[in-house]
């Protein structure tokens, strides 16, 4: 693969990790303050306040650090924590929204199915962010696998 393209993909991976870590630290700080997160304290938003927010914040921070180290060391194994946290978070968001729709809550409370609020950018952000991160992780995986095959260090631990 061309050196310039490899550098751009790795730079995009670094940017994703640093931006995600910044957002996670800010969001965790925001949700742990009871005065700021007063509107989020509902049963279906349990992930967004209290101890679950702190646990997810710490896990996301560790996953972002693992992604930076993975890109620096070009390690396939260290890509797994970030992709796992990404899938867990997206799955939790999907389950939350399906629960809200199934229990006849207002559609404005959902993130994935909210088509009625033009001022909110939930759906457009999700339609951009989810494929962007997924394809970035796949591109990084492809780069790291190509480098391992060139060096003759192909591993049997990962199935393509």
N, C-alpha and C. Protein backbone atom coordinates (compact mmCIF):
# COMPACT_ATOMS: atom_id res chain seq x y z
N UNK A 1 0.85 -1.18 0.00
CA UNK A 1 0.00 0.00 0.00
C UNK A 1 0.90 1.24 0.00
N UNK A 2 0.42 2.27 -0.64
CA UNK A 2 1.17 3.51 -0.75
C UNK A 2 1.44 4.11 0.63
N UNK A 3 2.63 4.65 0.82
CA UNK A 3 3.03 5.20 2.11
C UNK A 3 2.15 6.40 2.50
N UNK A 4 1.76 7.22 1.55
CA UNK A 4 0.93 8.39 1.85
C UNK A 4 -0.45 7.97 2.34
N UNK A 5 -1.05 6.99 1.67
CA UNK A 5 -2.36 6.51 2.09
C UNK A 5 -2.29 5.86 3.47
N UNK A 6 -1.24 5.09 3.72
CA UNK A 6 -1.05 4.49 5.05
C UNK A 6 -0.96 5.58 6.12
N UNK A 7 -0.21 6.63 5.83
CA UNK A 7 -0.05 7.72 6.80
C UNK A 7 -1.36 8.44 7.06
N UNK A 8 -2.15 8.64 6.02
CA UNK A 8 -3.44 9.31 6.19
C UNK A 8 -4.41 8.46 7.01
N UNK A 9 -4.43 7.15 6.76
CA UNK A 9 -5.31 6.26 7.51
C UNK A 9 -4.88 6.20 8.97
N UNK A 10 -3.58 6.12 9.22
CA UNK A 10 -3.10 6.11 10.60
C UNK A 10 -3.38 7.43 11.29
N UNK A 11 -3.22 8.54 10.59
CA UNK A 11 -3.52 9.86 11.15
C UNK A 11 -5.01 9.96 11.50
N UNK A 12 -5.85 9.44 10.63
CA UNK A 12 -7.29 9.44 10.90
C UNK A 12 -7.61 8.58 12.12
N UNK A 13 -6.91 7.47 12.29
CA UNK A 13 -7.08 6.63 13.47
C UNK A 13 -6.66 7.35 14.73
N UNK A 14 -5.53 8.05 14.70
CA UNK A 14 -5.10 8.85 15.85
C UNK A 14 -6.13 9.92 16.18
N UNK A 15 -6.62 10.60 15.15
CA UNK A 15 -7.61 11.67 15.36
C UNK A 15 -8.88 11.08 15.99
N UNK A 16 -9.32 9.95 15.51
CA UNK A 16 -10.51 9.30 16.05
C UNK A 16 -10.32 8.97 17.53
N UNK A 17 -9.18 8.41 17.87
CA UNK A 17 -8.91 8.04 19.26
C UNK A 17 -8.86 9.27 20.16
N UNK A 18 -8.17 10.31 19.74
CA UNK A 18 -8.04 11.50 20.57
C UNK A 18 -9.37 12.24 20.70
N UNK A 19 -10.12 12.34 19.61
CA UNK A 19 -11.42 13.00 19.67
C UNK A 19 -12.38 12.21 20.56
N UNK A 20 -12.40 10.91 20.40
CA UNK A 20 -13.28 10.06 21.21
C UNK A 20 -12.92 10.16 22.69
N UNK A 21 -11.63 10.15 23.01
CA UNK A 21 -11.21 10.26 24.39
C UNK A 21 -11.61 11.61 24.98
N UNK A 22 -11.49 12.68 24.21
CA UNK A 22 -11.90 14.01 24.67
C UNK A 22 -13.39 14.06 24.95
N UNK A 23 -14.19 13.53 24.03
CA UNK A 23 -15.64 13.52 24.19
C UNK A 23 -16.04 12.66 25.39
N UNK A 24 -15.38 11.52 25.56
CA UNK A 24 -15.72 10.62 26.67
C UNK A 24 -15.41 11.28 28.01
N UNK A 25 -14.27 11.94 28.13
CA UNK A 25 -13.93 12.61 29.39
C UNK A 25 -14.93 13.73 29.67
N UNK A 26 -15.27 14.52 28.66
CA UNK A 26 -16.23 15.60 28.84
C UNK A 26 -17.61 15.04 29.21
N UNK A 27 -18.07 14.02 28.49
CA UNK A 27 -19.41 13.47 28.72
C UNK A 27 -19.49 12.80 30.10
N UNK A 28 -18.44 12.10 30.52
CA UNK A 28 -18.45 11.48 31.84
C UNK A 28 -18.48 12.54 32.92
N UNK A 29 -17.71 13.58 32.78
CA UNK A 29 -17.73 14.68 33.74
C UNK A 29 -19.12 15.33 33.79
N UNK A 30 -19.72 15.49 32.62
CA UNK A 30 -21.06 16.10 32.54
C UNK A 30 -22.11 15.24 33.24
N UNK A 31 -22.09 13.95 33.02
CA UNK A 31 -23.13 13.08 33.57
C UNK A 31 -22.94 12.77 35.04
N UNK A 32 -21.72 12.92 35.56
CA UNK A 32 -21.50 12.66 36.98
C UNK A 32 -21.92 13.84 37.85
N UNK A 33 -22.10 15.01 37.25
CA UNK A 33 -22.54 16.17 38.01
C UNK A 33 -24.07 16.17 38.05
N UNK A 34 -24.69 15.97 39.23
CA UNK A 34 -26.15 15.84 39.29
C UNK A 34 -26.90 17.10 38.86
N UNK A 35 -26.30 18.28 39.01
CA UNK A 35 -26.99 19.51 38.63
C UNK A 35 -27.08 19.65 37.11
N UNK A 36 -26.09 19.15 36.40
CA UNK A 36 -26.09 19.28 34.94
C UNK A 36 -26.91 18.20 34.26
N UNK A 37 -26.94 17.01 34.81
CA UNK A 37 -27.59 15.88 34.14
C UNK A 37 -28.98 15.62 34.68
N UNK A 38 -29.70 16.65 35.07
CA UNK A 38 -31.01 16.47 35.70
C UNK A 38 -32.03 15.88 34.72
N UNK A 39 -31.93 16.18 33.42
CA UNK A 39 -32.91 15.68 32.46
C UNK A 39 -32.66 14.25 32.02
N UNK A 40 -31.50 13.70 32.34
CA UNK A 40 -31.16 12.36 31.88
C UNK A 40 -31.53 11.28 32.88
N UNK A 41 -31.94 11.65 34.08
CA UNK A 41 -32.17 10.67 35.13
C UNK A 41 -33.55 10.03 34.95
N UNK A 42 -33.58 9.03 34.11
CA UNK A 42 -34.76 8.21 33.87
C UNK A 42 -34.29 6.76 33.81
N UNK A 43 -35.19 5.83 33.94
CA UNK A 43 -34.79 4.43 33.99
C UNK A 43 -34.12 3.98 32.69
N UNK A 44 -34.59 4.45 31.53
CA UNK A 44 -34.01 4.00 30.27
C UNK A 44 -32.70 4.72 29.95
N UNK A 45 -32.31 5.70 30.74
CA UNK A 45 -31.04 6.40 30.54
C UNK A 45 -30.02 6.03 31.61
N UNK A 46 -30.13 4.82 32.16
CA UNK A 46 -29.25 4.44 33.26
C UNK A 46 -27.78 4.44 32.84
N UNK A 47 -27.49 4.21 31.59
CA UNK A 47 -26.11 4.22 31.13
C UNK A 47 -25.51 5.63 31.22
N UNK A 48 -26.34 6.65 31.23
CA UNK A 48 -25.85 8.02 31.12
C UNK A 48 -25.72 8.75 32.45
N UNK A 49 -25.79 8.07 33.59
CA UNK A 49 -25.58 8.77 34.86
C UNK A 49 -25.07 7.80 35.91
N UNK A 50 -24.42 8.34 36.90
CA UNK A 50 -23.97 7.56 38.04
C UNK A 50 -22.81 6.63 37.74
N UNK A 51 -22.82 5.50 38.43
CA UNK A 51 -21.73 4.53 38.34
C UNK A 51 -21.58 3.94 36.93
N UNK A 52 -22.68 3.60 36.19
CA UNK A 52 -22.48 3.10 34.83
C UNK A 52 -21.77 4.11 33.92
N UNK A 53 -22.06 5.39 34.09
CA UNK A 53 -21.37 6.40 33.28
C UNK A 53 -19.89 6.43 33.61
N UNK A 54 -19.55 6.30 34.88
CA UNK A 54 -18.14 6.29 35.28
C UNK A 54 -17.43 5.05 34.75
N UNK A 55 -18.08 3.90 34.84
CA UNK A 55 -17.47 2.66 34.34
C UNK A 55 -17.27 2.73 32.83
N UNK A 56 -18.32 3.14 32.10
CA UNK A 56 -18.18 3.27 30.65
C UNK A 56 -17.13 4.31 30.29
N UNK A 57 -17.06 5.39 31.04
CA UNK A 57 -16.05 6.42 30.77
C UNK A 57 -14.64 5.89 30.93
N UNK A 58 -14.41 5.12 31.99
CA UNK A 58 -13.07 4.55 32.20
C UNK A 58 -12.75 3.51 31.13
N UNK A 59 -13.74 2.67 30.78
CA UNK A 59 -13.50 1.67 29.74
C UNK A 59 -13.23 2.31 28.39
N UNK A 60 -13.99 3.36 28.06
CA UNK A 60 -13.76 4.06 26.80
C UNK A 60 -12.39 4.73 26.78
N UNK A 61 -11.97 5.31 27.90
CA UNK A 61 -10.65 5.95 27.95
C UNK A 61 -9.55 4.92 27.76
N UNK A 62 -9.68 3.75 28.41
CA UNK A 62 -8.69 2.69 28.21
C UNK A 62 -8.70 2.19 26.76
N UNK A 63 -9.89 2.10 26.16
CA UNK A 63 -9.98 1.64 24.77
C UNK A 63 -9.33 2.65 23.83
N UNK A 64 -9.49 3.94 24.10
CA UNK A 64 -8.87 4.97 23.26
C UNK A 64 -7.35 4.93 23.38
N UNK A 65 -6.86 4.74 24.60
CA UNK A 65 -5.41 4.61 24.79
C UNK A 65 -4.90 3.36 24.08
N UNK A 66 -5.65 2.27 24.15
CA UNK A 66 -5.26 1.05 23.45
C UNK A 66 -5.24 1.27 21.94
N UNK A 67 -6.17 2.08 21.41
CA UNK A 67 -6.17 2.36 19.98
C UNK A 67 -4.94 3.16 19.57
N UNK A 68 -4.57 4.13 20.38
CA UNK A 68 -3.36 4.91 20.07
C UNK A 68 -2.13 4.02 20.07
N UNK A 69 -2.03 3.15 21.07
CA UNK A 69 -0.90 2.23 21.15
C UNK A 69 -0.95 1.23 19.98
N UNK A 70 -2.14 0.78 19.61
CA UNK A 70 -2.29 -0.15 18.49
C UNK A 70 -1.81 0.46 17.19
N UNK A 71 -2.13 1.72 16.98
CA UNK A 71 -1.70 2.38 15.75
C UNK A 71 -0.19 2.59 15.78
N UNK A 72 0.33 2.97 16.93
CA UNK A 72 1.77 3.21 17.03
C UNK A 72 2.56 1.92 16.82
N UNK A 73 2.11 0.83 17.44
CA UNK A 73 2.82 -0.45 17.34
C UNK A 73 2.33 -1.31 16.19
N UNK A 74 1.29 -0.88 15.51
CA UNK A 74 0.66 -1.63 14.42
C UNK A 74 0.26 -3.04 14.89
N UNK A 75 -0.50 -3.07 15.95
CA UNK A 75 -0.92 -4.33 16.57
C UNK A 75 -2.40 -4.59 16.29
N UNK A 76 -2.69 -5.73 15.71
CA UNK A 76 -4.07 -6.12 15.47
C UNK A 76 -4.80 -6.40 16.78
N UNK A 77 -4.10 -6.99 17.73
CA UNK A 77 -4.72 -7.35 18.99
C UNK A 77 -5.21 -6.13 19.76
N UNK A 78 -4.47 -5.02 19.70
CA UNK A 78 -4.84 -3.83 20.44
C UNK A 78 -5.94 -3.01 19.76
N UNK A 79 -6.35 -3.40 18.55
CA UNK A 79 -7.52 -2.77 17.93
C UNK A 79 -8.83 -3.30 18.54
N UNK A 80 -8.75 -4.47 19.16
CA UNK A 80 -9.96 -5.13 19.69
C UNK A 80 -10.67 -4.35 20.80
N UNK A 81 -9.96 -3.74 21.78
CA UNK A 81 -10.71 -3.03 22.83
C UNK A 81 -11.57 -1.89 22.30
N UNK A 82 -11.05 -1.10 21.37
CA UNK A 82 -11.82 0.02 20.84
C UNK A 82 -13.01 -0.48 20.04
N UNK A 83 -12.79 -1.47 19.19
CA UNK A 83 -13.90 -1.98 18.39
C UNK A 83 -14.94 -2.67 19.26
N UNK A 84 -14.51 -3.35 20.32
CA UNK A 84 -15.46 -3.98 21.24
C UNK A 84 -16.30 -2.94 21.97
N UNK A 85 -15.65 -1.89 22.48
CA UNK A 85 -16.40 -0.83 23.17
C UNK A 85 -17.35 -0.12 22.20
N UNK A 86 -16.91 0.07 20.98
CA UNK A 86 -17.76 0.70 19.97
C UNK A 86 -19.01 -0.14 19.72
N UNK A 87 -18.83 -1.46 19.58
CA UNK A 87 -19.97 -2.35 19.36
C UNK A 87 -20.89 -2.43 20.58
N UNK A 88 -20.31 -2.46 21.77
CA UNK A 88 -21.13 -2.49 22.99
C UNK A 88 -21.94 -1.21 23.11
N UNK A 89 -21.31 -0.08 22.88
CA UNK A 89 -22.00 1.21 22.99
C UNK A 89 -23.11 1.34 21.95
N UNK A 90 -22.81 0.96 20.72
CA UNK A 90 -23.83 1.04 19.67
C UNK A 90 -24.96 0.05 19.93
N UNK A 91 -24.62 -1.14 20.42
CA UNK A 91 -25.66 -2.12 20.77
C UNK A 91 -26.54 -1.64 21.90
N UNK A 92 -25.93 -1.00 22.91
CA UNK A 92 -26.72 -0.45 24.03
C UNK A 92 -27.64 0.66 23.54
N UNK A 93 -27.14 1.49 22.65
CA UNK A 93 -27.96 2.57 22.09
C UNK A 93 -29.11 2.00 21.27
N UNK A 94 -28.83 0.98 20.48
CA UNK A 94 -29.87 0.35 19.67
C UNK A 94 -30.92 -0.32 20.55
N UNK A 95 -30.50 -1.05 21.58
CA UNK A 95 -31.46 -1.69 22.50
C UNK A 95 -32.29 -0.65 23.23
N UNK A 96 -31.67 0.46 23.66
CA UNK A 96 -32.39 1.52 24.34
C UNK A 96 -33.48 2.10 23.44
N UNK A 97 -33.13 2.38 22.19
CA UNK A 97 -34.11 2.96 21.27
C UNK A 97 -35.22 1.98 20.91
N UNK A 98 -34.88 0.71 20.75
CA UNK A 98 -35.92 -0.30 20.48
C UNK A 98 -36.85 -0.42 21.68
N UNK A 99 -36.30 -0.37 22.89
CA UNK A 99 -37.13 -0.40 24.09
C UNK A 99 -38.06 0.81 24.13
N UNK A 100 -37.55 1.99 23.83
CA UNK A 100 -38.38 3.19 23.86
C UNK A 100 -39.51 3.13 22.83
N UNK A 101 -39.21 2.62 21.64
CA UNK A 101 -40.24 2.49 20.61
C UNK A 101 -41.26 1.43 21.01
N UNK A 102 -40.78 0.31 21.54
CA UNK A 102 -41.70 -0.77 21.93
C UNK A 102 -42.58 -0.41 23.12
N UNK A 103 -42.09 0.45 24.01
CA UNK A 103 -42.88 0.83 25.18
C UNK A 103 -43.64 2.13 24.97
N UNK A 104 -43.78 2.54 23.72
CA UNK A 104 -44.61 3.67 23.31
C UNK A 104 -44.18 5.00 23.95
N UNK A 105 -42.88 5.20 24.06
CA UNK A 105 -42.38 6.50 24.48
C UNK A 105 -42.40 7.45 23.29
N UNK A 106 -42.15 8.70 23.56
CA UNK A 106 -42.09 9.71 22.51
C UNK A 106 -40.88 9.44 21.61
N UNK A 107 -41.07 9.51 20.30
CA UNK A 107 -39.97 9.26 19.36
C UNK A 107 -38.86 10.30 19.47
N UNK A 108 -39.15 11.45 20.05
CA UNK A 108 -38.13 12.48 20.22
C UNK A 108 -37.08 12.09 21.26
N UNK A 109 -37.36 11.08 22.07
CA UNK A 109 -36.40 10.61 23.07
C UNK A 109 -35.39 9.64 22.49
N UNK A 110 -35.64 9.13 21.30
CA UNK A 110 -34.72 8.16 20.69
C UNK A 110 -33.61 8.89 19.94
N UNK A 111 -32.50 8.20 19.74
CA UNK A 111 -31.40 8.76 18.97
C UNK A 111 -31.41 8.25 17.53
N UNK A 112 -31.67 6.97 17.36
CA UNK A 112 -31.61 6.38 16.03
C UNK A 112 -32.86 6.61 15.20
N UNK A 113 -34.00 6.71 15.84
CA UNK A 113 -35.27 6.78 15.11
C UNK A 113 -35.91 8.16 15.16
N UNK A 114 -35.18 9.17 15.59
CA UNK A 114 -35.72 10.52 15.73
C UNK A 114 -35.59 11.24 14.39
N UNK A 115 -36.66 11.24 13.61
CA UNK A 115 -36.66 11.90 12.30
C UNK A 115 -37.42 13.22 12.32
N UNK A 116 -38.08 13.53 13.44
CA UNK A 116 -38.98 14.68 13.47
C UNK A 116 -38.32 15.97 13.94
N UNK A 117 -37.14 15.91 14.54
CA UNK A 117 -36.52 17.11 15.09
C UNK A 117 -35.42 17.62 14.17
N UNK A 118 -35.70 18.67 13.37
CA UNK A 118 -34.68 19.15 12.44
C UNK A 118 -33.50 19.81 13.13
N UNK A 119 -33.70 20.33 14.34
CA UNK A 119 -32.61 20.98 15.05
C UNK A 119 -31.61 19.99 15.63
N UNK A 120 -32.02 18.75 15.82
CA UNK A 120 -31.14 17.72 16.35
C UNK A 120 -30.47 16.98 15.21
N UNK A 121 -29.24 16.63 15.42
CA UNK A 121 -28.47 15.97 14.37
C UNK A 121 -28.15 14.53 14.70
N UNK A 122 -28.99 13.89 15.53
CA UNK A 122 -28.68 12.54 15.97
C UNK A 122 -28.54 11.57 14.81
N UNK A 123 -29.56 11.51 13.97
CA UNK A 123 -29.55 10.53 12.89
C UNK A 123 -28.44 10.80 11.88
N UNK A 124 -28.26 12.07 11.51
CA UNK A 124 -27.21 12.38 10.54
C UNK A 124 -25.82 12.11 11.12
N UNK A 125 -25.63 12.38 12.40
CA UNK A 125 -24.34 12.08 13.04
C UNK A 125 -24.11 10.58 13.09
N UNK A 126 -25.15 9.83 13.44
CA UNK A 126 -24.99 8.38 13.53
C UNK A 126 -24.74 7.79 12.15
N UNK A 127 -25.43 8.32 11.13
CA UNK A 127 -25.21 7.82 9.77
C UNK A 127 -23.82 8.16 9.25
N UNK A 128 -23.17 9.16 9.83
CA UNK A 128 -21.81 9.49 9.44
C UNK A 128 -20.78 8.82 10.34
N UNK A 129 -20.99 8.88 11.65
CA UNK A 129 -19.98 8.43 12.61
C UNK A 129 -19.83 6.91 12.61
N UNK A 130 -20.91 6.18 12.60
CA UNK A 130 -20.82 4.72 12.69
C UNK A 130 -20.06 4.13 11.49
N UNK A 131 -20.42 4.46 10.24
CA UNK A 131 -19.62 3.92 9.14
C UNK A 131 -18.19 4.45 9.12
N UNK A 132 -18.00 5.71 9.52
CA UNK A 132 -16.66 6.29 9.52
C UNK A 132 -15.74 5.53 10.46
N UNK A 133 -16.18 5.29 11.68
CA UNK A 133 -15.34 4.56 12.63
C UNK A 133 -15.17 3.11 12.20
N UNK A 134 -16.24 2.48 11.72
CA UNK A 134 -16.15 1.08 11.31
C UNK A 134 -15.17 0.92 10.14
N UNK A 135 -15.27 1.78 9.14
CA UNK A 135 -14.36 1.66 7.99
C UNK A 135 -12.93 2.06 8.36
N UNK A 136 -12.78 2.98 9.31
CA UNK A 136 -11.43 3.33 9.77
C UNK A 136 -10.77 2.14 10.46
N UNK A 137 -11.53 1.46 11.31
CA UNK A 137 -10.97 0.28 11.98
C UNK A 137 -10.66 -0.83 10.98
N UNK A 138 -11.52 -1.00 9.99
CA UNK A 138 -11.24 -2.01 8.95
C UNK A 138 -10.01 -1.65 8.13
N UNK A 139 -9.85 -0.36 7.82
CA UNK A 139 -8.67 0.08 7.07
C UNK A 139 -7.40 -0.12 7.89
N UNK A 140 -7.45 0.19 9.18
CA UNK A 140 -6.29 -0.05 10.04
C UNK A 140 -5.97 -1.54 10.12
N UNK A 141 -7.00 -2.38 10.23
CA UNK A 141 -6.79 -3.83 10.25
C UNK A 141 -6.13 -4.29 8.96
N UNK A 142 -6.60 -3.76 7.85
CA UNK A 142 -6.03 -4.14 6.55
C UNK A 142 -4.56 -3.70 6.45
N UNK A 143 -4.26 -2.51 6.91
CA UNK A 143 -2.88 -2.02 6.88
C UNK A 143 -1.98 -2.91 7.74
N UNK A 144 -2.43 -3.24 8.94
CA UNK A 144 -1.61 -4.04 9.84
C UNK A 144 -1.44 -5.46 9.32
N UNK A 145 -2.48 -6.03 8.70
CA UNK A 145 -2.35 -7.37 8.14
C UNK A 145 -1.41 -7.38 6.94
N UNK A 146 -1.49 -6.36 6.09
CA UNK A 146 -0.58 -6.29 4.94
C UNK A 146 0.86 -6.18 5.39
N UNK A 147 1.10 -5.38 6.42
CA UNK A 147 2.46 -5.22 6.93
C UNK A 147 2.98 -6.53 7.52
N UNK A 148 2.13 -7.28 8.20
CA UNK A 148 2.55 -8.56 8.78
C UNK A 148 2.85 -9.58 7.69
N UNK A 149 2.05 -9.57 6.60
CA UNK A 149 2.28 -10.53 5.51
C UNK A 149 3.57 -10.21 4.77
N UNK A 150 3.85 -8.92 4.61
CA UNK A 150 5.10 -8.52 3.94
C UNK A 150 6.30 -8.95 4.78
N UNK A 151 6.19 -8.76 6.09
CA UNK A 151 7.29 -9.12 6.98
C UNK A 151 7.38 -10.62 7.22
N UNK A 152 6.39 -11.39 6.78
CA UNK A 152 6.41 -12.82 6.97
C UNK A 152 6.02 -13.26 8.38
N UNK A 153 5.29 -12.40 9.08
CA UNK A 153 4.89 -12.71 10.45
C UNK A 153 3.38 -12.92 10.52
N UNK A 154 2.81 -13.57 9.56
CA UNK A 154 1.37 -13.79 9.54
C UNK A 154 0.95 -14.63 10.74
N UNK A 155 -0.08 -14.19 11.44
CA UNK A 155 -0.50 -14.84 12.67
C UNK A 155 -1.72 -15.72 12.41
N UNK A 156 -1.79 -16.84 13.08
CA UNK A 156 -2.95 -17.71 12.97
C UNK A 156 -4.05 -17.36 13.98
N UNK A 157 -3.81 -16.34 14.80
CA UNK A 157 -4.78 -15.98 15.84
C UNK A 157 -5.99 -15.25 15.28
N UNK A 158 -5.88 -14.65 14.12
CA UNK A 158 -6.95 -13.85 13.56
C UNK A 158 -7.45 -14.47 12.27
N UNK A 159 -8.75 -14.57 12.16
CA UNK A 159 -9.36 -15.16 10.98
C UNK A 159 -9.86 -14.02 10.10
N UNK A 160 -9.53 -14.07 8.83
CA UNK A 160 -9.95 -13.00 7.92
C UNK A 160 -11.29 -13.32 7.33
